[in-house]
Amino acid sequence: MLKENLFIKILLYFIGLLLTSFGVVLMIQTNKGVGSWDSVNYSLSVLINTKLGYASMIVNILIVLFVVIYRKNLKFIQSFIPIILSGFLVNLWIDYVFVNFTISTTFLTYLYLILGALILPVGLSFIIISTLPKMIFDELTFAWMDIFKSKSFPLVRICIEIFAVLLGLLIGYFAKIEGLGQIGIGTLIVVFTIGPLIGIFTNILNKVFKFN
């Protein structure tokens, strides 16, 4: 039973990483804005002239270091696993799957935007219920919940998303990105829905997969 549960958890974890990275890249293709932290990654990738996946690794590693220092616990170093995997998956989606991808109509643009915004929290929920190393943003949310004495995951997650939007704009300014870069209506959608949606999808998945 334990081995069977572990196999299912690993499978759910990998599915979560695939869905999360796919959702990010799908939103990028619409050019209507991405998640707040992905806008940070995008701005950084332009600033230092590197692939989006590698920029994502850098941002996430810095957040891991913050969590490790705050928690005074090296166990959070395990978050390097999803950081590295998701970074490479983002690059793979962009370089091989979406390399010749085009969106021909406004309807499809917003359809893909909404799909990406839904797929992203679904993927994160799969990662959370697997109980394997979480994406560092989940650990960051839990850390902020402790810092600000809050028990509301959705509320704290929204605050973190808003902070990331401002950070993305700041880095974009130094990167001399025209306009708002990858910050747009898609960013607003993710900022105000990702926390609540993660809560909803996690509850649903927990009812489907009941691990001992």
C-alpha atoms as a PDB file:
ATOM      1  CA  MET A   1       0.000   0.000   0.000  1.00  0.00           C
ATOM      2  CA  LEU A   2       2.813   2.426   0.903  1.00  0.00           C
ATOM      3  CA  LYS A   3       4.656   1.722  -2.360  1.00  0.00           C
ATOM      4  CA  GLU A   4       1.421   2.127  -4.310  1.00  0.00           C
ATOM      5  CA  ASN A   5       0.713   5.462  -2.620  1.00  0.00           C
ATOM      6  CA  LEU A   6       4.252   6.664  -3.336  1.00  0.00           C
ATOM      7  CA  PHE A   7       3.916   5.783  -7.026  1.00  0.00           C
ATOM      8  CA  ILE A   8       0.607   7.664  -7.250  1.00  0.00           C
ATOM      9  CA  LYS A   9       2.095  10.661  -5.443  1.00  0.00           C
ATOM     10  CA  ILE A  10       5.070  10.789  -7.819  1.00  0.00           C
ATOM     11  CA  LEU A  11       2.710  10.501 -10.802  1.00  0.00           C
ATOM     12  CA  LEU A  12       0.486  13.307  -9.483  1.00  0.00           C
ATOM     13  CA  TYR A  13       3.573  15.399  -8.775  1.00  0.00           C
ATOM     14  CA  PHE A  14       4.883  15.050 -12.321  1.00  0.00           C
ATOM     15  CA  ILE A  15       1.423  15.760 -13.757  1.00  0.00           C
ATOM     16  CA  GLY A  16       1.323  18.885 -11.604  1.00  0.00           C
ATOM     17  CA  LEU A  17       4.677  20.093 -12.905  1.00  0.00           C
ATOM     18  CA  LEU A  18       3.626  19.451 -16.504  1.00  0.00           C
ATOM     19  CA  LEU A  19       0.332  21.296 -16.074  1.00  0.00           C
ATOM     20  CA  THR A  20       1.892  24.219 -14.218  1.00  0.00           C
ATOM     21  CA  SER A  21       4.615  24.815 -16.798  1.00  0.00           C
ATOM     22  CA  PHE A  22       2.119  24.317 -19.646  1.00  0.00           C
ATOM     23  CA  GLY A  23      -0.266  26.868 -18.140  1.00  0.00           C
ATOM     24  CA  VAL A  24       2.525  29.422 -17.826  1.00  0.00           C
ATOM     25  CA  VAL A  25       3.706  29.014 -21.409  1.00  0.00           C
ATOM     26  CA  LEU A  26       0.156  28.987 -22.798  1.00  0.00           C
ATOM     27  CA  MET A  27      -0.546  32.339 -21.137  1.00  0.00           C
ATOM     28  CA  ILE A  28       2.716  33.753 -22.498  1.00  0.00           C
ATOM     29  CA  GLN A  29       1.615  32.858 -26.037  1.00  0.00           C
ATOM     30  CA  THR A  30      -1.450  35.101 -25.692  1.00  0.00           C
ATOM     31  CA  ASN A  31       0.702  38.131 -24.855  1.00  0.00           C
ATOM     32  CA  LYS A  32      -2.086  39.288 -22.533  1.00  0.00           C
ATOM     33  CA  GLY A  33      -0.215  38.905 -19.284  1.00  0.00           C
ATOM     34  CA  VAL A  34       1.013  36.019 -17.173  1.00  0.00           C
ATOM     35  CA  GLY A  35       1.047  35.178 -13.494  1.00  0.00           C
ATOM     36  CA  SER A  36       2.753  37.771 -11.328  1.00  0.00           C
ATOM     37  CA  TRP A  37       5.842  35.670 -10.557  1.00  0.00           C
ATOM     38  CA  ASP A  38       6.087  34.630 -14.184  1.00  0.00           C
ATOM     39  CA  SER A  39       6.154  38.320 -15.078  1.00  0.00           C
ATOM     40  CA  VAL A  40       9.115  38.639 -12.712  1.00  0.00           C
ATOM     41  CA  ASN A  41      10.791  35.716 -14.464  1.00  0.00           C
ATOM     42  CA  TYR A  42      10.090  37.230 -17.882  1.00  0.00           C
ATOM     43  CA  SER A  43      11.469  40.643 -16.921  1.00  0.00           C
ATOM     44  CA  LEU A  44      14.573  39.016 -15.447  1.00  0.00           C
ATOM     45  CA  SER A  45      15.083  36.886 -18.566  1.00  0.00           C
ATOM     46  CA  VAL A  46      15.115  40.074 -20.655  1.00  0.00           C
ATOM     47  CA  LEU A  47      17.365  41.890 -18.182  1.00  0.00           C
ATOM     48  CA  ILE A  48      20.056  39.198 -18.141  1.00  0.00           C
ATOM     49  CA  ASN A  49      19.325  37.823 -21.651  1.00  0.00           C
ATOM     50  CA  THR A  50      18.573  34.225 -20.761  1.00  0.00           C
ATOM     51  CA  LYS A  51      15.791  31.693 -21.338  1.00  0.00           C
ATOM     52  CA  LEU A  52      12.601  32.039 -19.321  1.00  0.00           C
ATOM     53  CA  GLY A  53      13.105  28.685 -17.607  1.00  0.00           C
ATOM     54  CA  TYR A  54      16.566  29.648 -16.384  1.00  0.00           C
ATOM     55  CA  ALA A  55      15.331  33.017 -15.125  1.00  0.00           C
ATOM     56  CA  SER A  56      12.600  31.135 -13.271  1.00  0.00           C
ATOM     57  CA  MET A  57      15.231  28.966 -11.597  1.00  0.00           C
ATOM     58  CA  ILE A  58      17.142  32.034 -10.405  1.00  0.00           C
ATOM     59  CA  VAL A  59      14.051  33.727  -8.918  1.00  0.00           C
ATOM     60  CA  ASN A  60      12.889  30.538  -7.247  1.00  0.00           C
ATOM     61  CA  ILE A  61      16.302  29.793  -5.766  1.00  0.00           C
ATOM     62  CA  LEU A  62      16.385  33.248  -4.180  1.00  0.00           C
ATOM     63  CA  ILE A  63      12.966  32.614  -2.662  1.00  0.00           C
ATOM     64  CA  VAL A  64      14.145  29.241  -1.357  1.00  0.00           C
ATOM     65  CA  LEU A  65      17.041  30.947   0.380  1.00  0.00           C
ATOM     66  CA  PHE A  66      14.611  33.376   2.024  1.00  0.00           C
ATOM     67  CA  VAL A  67      12.403  30.516   3.253  1.00  0.00           C
ATOM     68  CA  VAL A  68      15.410  28.541   4.508  1.00  0.00           C
ATOM     69  CA  ILE A  69      16.727  31.551   6.430  1.00  0.00           C
ATOM     70  CA  TYR A  70      13.301  32.419   7.867  1.00  0.00           C
ATOM     71  CA  ARG A  71      12.453  28.841   8.847  1.00  0.00           C
ATOM     72  CA  LYS A  72      16.039  28.093   9.892  1.00  0.00           C
ATOM     73  CA  ASN A  73      15.563  24.697   8.313  1.00  0.00           C
ATOM     74  CA  LEU A  74      17.541  23.226   5.434  1.00  0.00           C
ATOM     75  CA  LYS A  75      14.742  20.795   4.540  1.00  0.00           C
ATOM     76  CA  PHE A  76      13.285  23.443   2.236  1.00  0.00           C
ATOM     77  CA  ILE A  77      16.310  22.965  -0.015  1.00  0.00           C
ATOM     78  CA  GLN A  78      14.270  20.067  -1.408  1.00  0.00           C
ATOM     79  CA  SER A  79      12.249  22.699  -3.252  1.00  0.00           C
ATOM     80  CA  PHE A  80      15.152  22.745  -5.718  1.00  0.00           C
ATOM     81  CA  ILE A  81      13.548  19.624  -7.230  1.00  0.00           C
ATOM     82  CA  PRO A  82      10.426  21.322  -8.634  1.00  0.00           C
ATOM     83  CA  ILE A  83      12.447  24.469  -9.370  1.00  0.00           C
ATOM     84  CA  ILE A  84      14.836  22.660 -11.699  1.00  0.00           C
ATOM     85  CA  LEU A  85      12.196  20.396 -13.240  1.00  0.00           C
ATOM     86  CA  SER A  86       9.690  23.186 -13.903  1.00  0.00           C
ATOM     87  CA  GLY A  87      12.414  25.441 -15.303  1.00  0.00           C
ATOM     88  CA  PHE A  88      13.469  22.844 -17.844  1.00  0.00           C
ATOM     89  CA  LEU A  89       9.835  22.019 -18.652  1.00  0.00           C
ATOM     90  CA  VAL A  90       9.092  25.682 -19.394  1.00  0.00           C
ATOM     91  CA  ASN A  91      12.042  25.778 -21.803  1.00  0.00           C
ATOM     92  CA  LEU A  92      10.923  22.525 -23.432  1.00  0.00           C
ATOM     93  CA  TRP A  93       7.354  23.760 -23.941  1.00  0.00           C
ATOM     94  CA  ILE A  94       8.647  26.991 -25.513  1.00  0.00           C
ATOM     95  CA  ASP A  95      11.428  25.483 -27.637  1.00  0.00           C
ATOM     96  CA  TYR A  96       9.668  22.378 -28.940  1.00  0.00           C
ATOM     97  CA  VAL A  97       5.888  22.367 -28.434  1.00  0.00           C
ATOM     98  CA  PHE A  98       5.008  26.037 -28.917  1.00  0.00           C
ATOM     99  CA  VAL A  99       7.844  26.865 -31.302  1.00  0.00           C
ATOM    100  CA  ASN A 100       5.507  27.351 -34.303  1.00  0.00           C
ATOM    101  CA  PHE A 101       2.370  28.084 -32.303  1.00  0.00           C
ATOM    102  CA  THR A 102       0.256  31.024 -33.445  1.00  0.00           C
ATOM    103  CA  ILE A 103      -3.092  32.410 -32.304  1.00  0.00           C
ATOM    104  CA  SER A 104      -5.218  33.616 -35.206  1.00  0.00           C
ATOM    105  CA  THR A 105      -8.239  35.244 -33.545  1.00  0.00           C
ATOM    106  CA  THR A 106      -9.063  37.442 -30.574  1.00  0.00           C
ATOM    107  CA  PHE A 107     -11.517  34.803 -29.348  1.00  0.00           C
ATOM    108  CA  LEU A 108      -8.791  32.152 -29.225  1.00  0.00           C
ATOM    109  CA  THR A 109      -6.437  34.600 -27.519  1.00  0.00           C
ATOM    110  CA  TYR A 110      -8.772  35.057 -24.573  1.00  0.00           C
ATOM    111  CA  LEU A 111      -9.817  31.405 -24.594  1.00  0.00           C
ATOM    112  CA  TYR A 112      -6.189  30.292 -24.238  1.00  0.00           C
ATOM    113  CA  LEU A 113      -5.623  32.980 -21.625  1.00  0.00           C
ATOM    114  CA  ILE A 114      -8.483  31.674 -19.481  1.00  0.00           C
ATOM    115  CA  LEU A 115      -7.403  28.060 -20.028  1.00  0.00           C
ATOM    116  CA  GLY A 116      -3.863  28.886 -18.951  1.00  0.00           C
ATOM    117  CA  ALA A 117      -5.139  30.715 -15.876  1.00  0.00           C
ATOM    118  CA  LEU A 118      -7.169  27.627 -14.931  1.00  0.00           C
ATOM    119  CA  ILE A 119      -4.531  25.016 -15.754  1.00  0.00           C
ATOM    120  CA  LEU A 120      -1.918  26.794 -13.611  1.00  0.00           C
ATOM    121  CA  PRO A 121      -3.737  26.395 -10.235  1.00  0.00           C
ATOM    122  CA  VAL A 122      -4.850  22.883 -11.179  1.00  0.00           C
ATOM    123  CA  GLY A 123      -1.199  21.929 -11.648  1.00  0.00           C
ATOM    124  CA  LEU A 124      -0.209  23.552  -8.366  1.00  0.00           C
ATOM    125  CA  SER A 125      -3.014  21.685  -6.596  1.00  0.00           C
ATOM    126  CA  PHE A 126      -1.722  18.362  -7.925  1.00  0.00           C
ATOM    127  CA  ILE A 127       1.701  19.227  -6.523  1.00  0.00           C
ATOM    128  CA  ILE A 128       0.266  20.186  -3.133  1.00  0.00           C
ATOM    129  CA  ILE A 129      -1.845  17.041  -2.655  1.00  0.00           C
ATOM    130  CA  SER A 130       1.065  14.809  -3.663  1.00  0.00           C
ATOM    131  CA  THR A 131       2.737  15.941  -0.377  1.00  0.00           C
ATOM    132  CA  LEU A 132       6.071  15.825  -2.213  1.00  0.00           C
ATOM    133  CA  PRO A 133       8.337  18.921  -2.326  1.00  0.00           C
ATOM    134  CA  LYS A 134       6.084  21.896  -3.041  1.00  0.00           C
ATOM    135  CA  MET A 135       6.667  24.721  -5.454  1.00  0.00           C
ATOM    136  CA  ILE A 136       8.499  27.373  -3.471  1.00  0.00           C
ATOM    137  CA  PHE A 137       5.626  29.845  -3.824  1.00  0.00           C
ATOM    138  CA  ASP A 138       3.496  27.576  -1.662  1.00  0.00           C
ATOM    139  CA  GLU A 139       6.214  27.491   0.995  1.00  0.00           C
ATOM    140  CA  LEU A 140       6.561  31.267   0.679  1.00  0.00           C
ATOM    141  CA  THR A 141       2.808  31.625   1.224  1.00  0.00           C
ATOM    142  CA  PHE A 142       2.949  29.497   4.361  1.00  0.00           C
ATOM    143  CA  ALA A 143       5.911  31.537   5.606  1.00  0.00           C
ATOM    144  CA  TRP A 144       4.035  34.812   5.036  1.00  0.00           C
ATOM    145  CA  MET A 145       1.013  33.329   6.809  1.00  0.00           C
ATOM    146  CA  ASP A 146       3.236  32.837   9.856  1.00  0.00           C
ATOM    147  CA  ILE A 147       4.867  36.266   9.564  1.00  0.00           C
ATOM    148  CA  PHE A 148       1.550  38.119   9.311  1.00  0.00           C
ATOM    149  CA  LYS A 149      -0.321  35.772  11.670  1.00  0.00           C
ATOM    150  CA  SER A 150      -2.907  34.868   9.051  1.00  0.00           C
ATOM    151  CA  LYS A 151      -4.749  31.589   8.580  1.00  0.00           C
ATOM    152  CA  SER A 152      -6.104  32.503   5.160  1.00  0.00           C
ATOM    153  CA  PHE A 153      -4.056  30.912   2.377  1.00  0.00           C
ATOM    154  CA  PRO A 154      -6.050  32.647  -0.414  1.00  0.00           C
ATOM    155  CA  LEU A 155      -5.691  36.130   1.146  1.00  0.00           C
ATOM    156  CA  VAL A 156      -1.955  35.813   1.760  1.00  0.00           C
ATOM    157  CA  ARG A 157      -1.441  34.350  -1.706  1.00  0.00           C
ATOM    158  CA  ILE A 158      -3.143  37.372  -3.260  1.00  0.00           C
ATOM    159  CA  CYS A 159      -0.854  39.717  -1.285  1.00  0.00           C
ATOM    160  CA  ILE A 160       2.200  37.828  -2.509  1.00  0.00           C
ATOM    161  CA  GLU A 161       0.950  38.001  -6.091  1.00  0.00           C
ATOM    162  CA  ILE A 162       0.513  41.784  -5.837  1.00  0.00           C
ATOM    163  CA  PHE A 163       4.047  42.111  -4.441  1.00  0.00           C
ATOM    164  CA  ALA A 164       5.364  40.088  -7.397  1.00  0.00           C
ATOM    165  CA  VAL A 165       3.560  42.339  -9.892  1.00  0.00           C
ATOM    166  CA  LEU A 166       5.329  45.374  -8.445  1.00  0.00           C
ATOM    167  CA  LEU A 167       8.659  43.525  -8.507  1.00  0.00           C
ATOM    168  CA  GLY A 168       8.095  42.515 -12.131  1.00  0.00           C
ATOM    169  CA  LEU A 169       7.427  46.126 -13.070  1.00  0.00           C
ATOM    170  CA  LEU A 170      10.579  47.279 -11.279  1.00  0.00           C
ATOM    171  CA  ILE A 171      12.813  44.717 -12.991  1.00  0.00           C
ATOM    172  CA  GLY A 172      11.093  45.480 -16.304  1.00  0.00           C
ATOM    173  CA  TYR A 173      11.987  49.155 -15.869  1.00  0.00           C
ATOM    174  CA  PHE A 174      15.674  48.330 -15.464  1.00  0.00           C
ATOM    175  CA  ALA A 175      15.440  45.882 -18.379  1.00  0.00           C
ATOM    176  CA  LYS A 176      14.015  48.741 -20.484  1.00  0.00           C
ATOM    177  CA  ILE A 177      10.992  46.668 -21.462  1.00  0.00           C
ATOM    178  CA  GLU A 178       8.422  48.731 -23.329  1.00  0.00           C
ATOM    179  CA  GLY A 179       5.055  49.106 -21.652  1.00  0.00           C
ATOM    180  CA  LEU A 180       4.202  46.627 -18.910  1.00  0.00           C
ATOM    181  CA  GLY A 181       5.997  43.647 -20.432  1.00  0.00           C
ATOM    182  CA  GLN A 182       4.105  40.434 -19.605  1.00  0.00           C
ATOM    183  CA  ILE A 183       1.883  42.185 -17.073  1.00  0.00           C
ATOM    184  CA  GLY A 184      -1.669  42.543 -18.347  1.00  0.00           C
ATOM    185  CA  ILE A 185      -5.208  41.360 -17.880  1.00  0.00           C
ATOM    186  CA  GLY A 186      -3.924  37.805 -17.493  1.00  0.00           C
ATOM    187  CA  THR A 187      -1.832  38.924 -14.534  1.00  0.00           C
ATOM    188  CA  LEU A 188      -4.870  40.438 -12.827  1.00  0.00           C
ATOM    189  CA  ILE A 189      -6.825  37.241 -13.418  1.00  0.00           C
ATOM    190  CA  VAL A 190      -4.104  35.120 -11.817  1.00  0.00           C
ATOM    191  CA  VAL A 191      -3.485  37.526  -8.918  1.00  0.00           C
ATOM    192  CA  PHE A 192      -7.097  37.449  -7.769  1.00  0.00           C
ATOM    193  CA  THR A 193      -7.993  33.859  -8.633  1.00  0.00           C
ATOM    194  CA  ILE A 194      -4.955  31.639  -8.050  1.00  0.00           C
ATOM    195  CA  GLY A 195      -5.298  31.497  -4.256  1.00  0.00           C
ATOM    196  CA  PRO A 196      -9.032  30.709  -4.183  1.00  0.00           C
ATOM    197  CA  LEU A 197      -8.731  28.295  -7.134  1.00  0.00           C
ATOM    198  CA  ILE A 198      -5.875  26.394  -5.493  1.00  0.00           C
ATOM    199  CA  GLY A 199      -8.050  26.046  -2.403  1.00  0.00           C
ATOM    200  CA  ILE A 200     -10.991  24.758  -4.456  1.00  0.00           C
ATOM    201  CA  PHE A 201      -8.991  22.350  -6.633  1.00  0.00           C
ATOM    202  CA  THR A 202      -6.980  21.064  -3.675  1.00  0.00           C
ATOM    203  CA  ASN A 203     -10.156  20.230  -1.755  1.00  0.00           C
ATOM    204  CA  ILE A 204     -11.574  18.411  -4.781  1.00  0.00           C
ATOM    205  CA  LEU A 205      -8.385  16.428  -5.380  1.00  0.00           C
ATOM    206  CA  ASN A 206      -8.073  15.547  -1.687  1.00  0.00           C
ATOM    207  CA  LYS A 207     -11.518  13.937  -1.886  1.00  0.00           C
ATOM    208  CA  VAL A 208     -10.486  11.936  -4.945  1.00  0.00           C
ATOM    209  CA  PHE A 209      -7.061  10.866  -3.691  1.00  0.00           C
ATOM    210  CA  LYS A 210      -7.160   9.905  -0.028  1.00  0.00           C
ATOM    211  CA  PHE A 211      -3.642   9.039   1.064  1.00  0.00           C
ATOM    212  CA  ASN A 212      -2.932   7.356   4.375  1.00  0.00           C
END
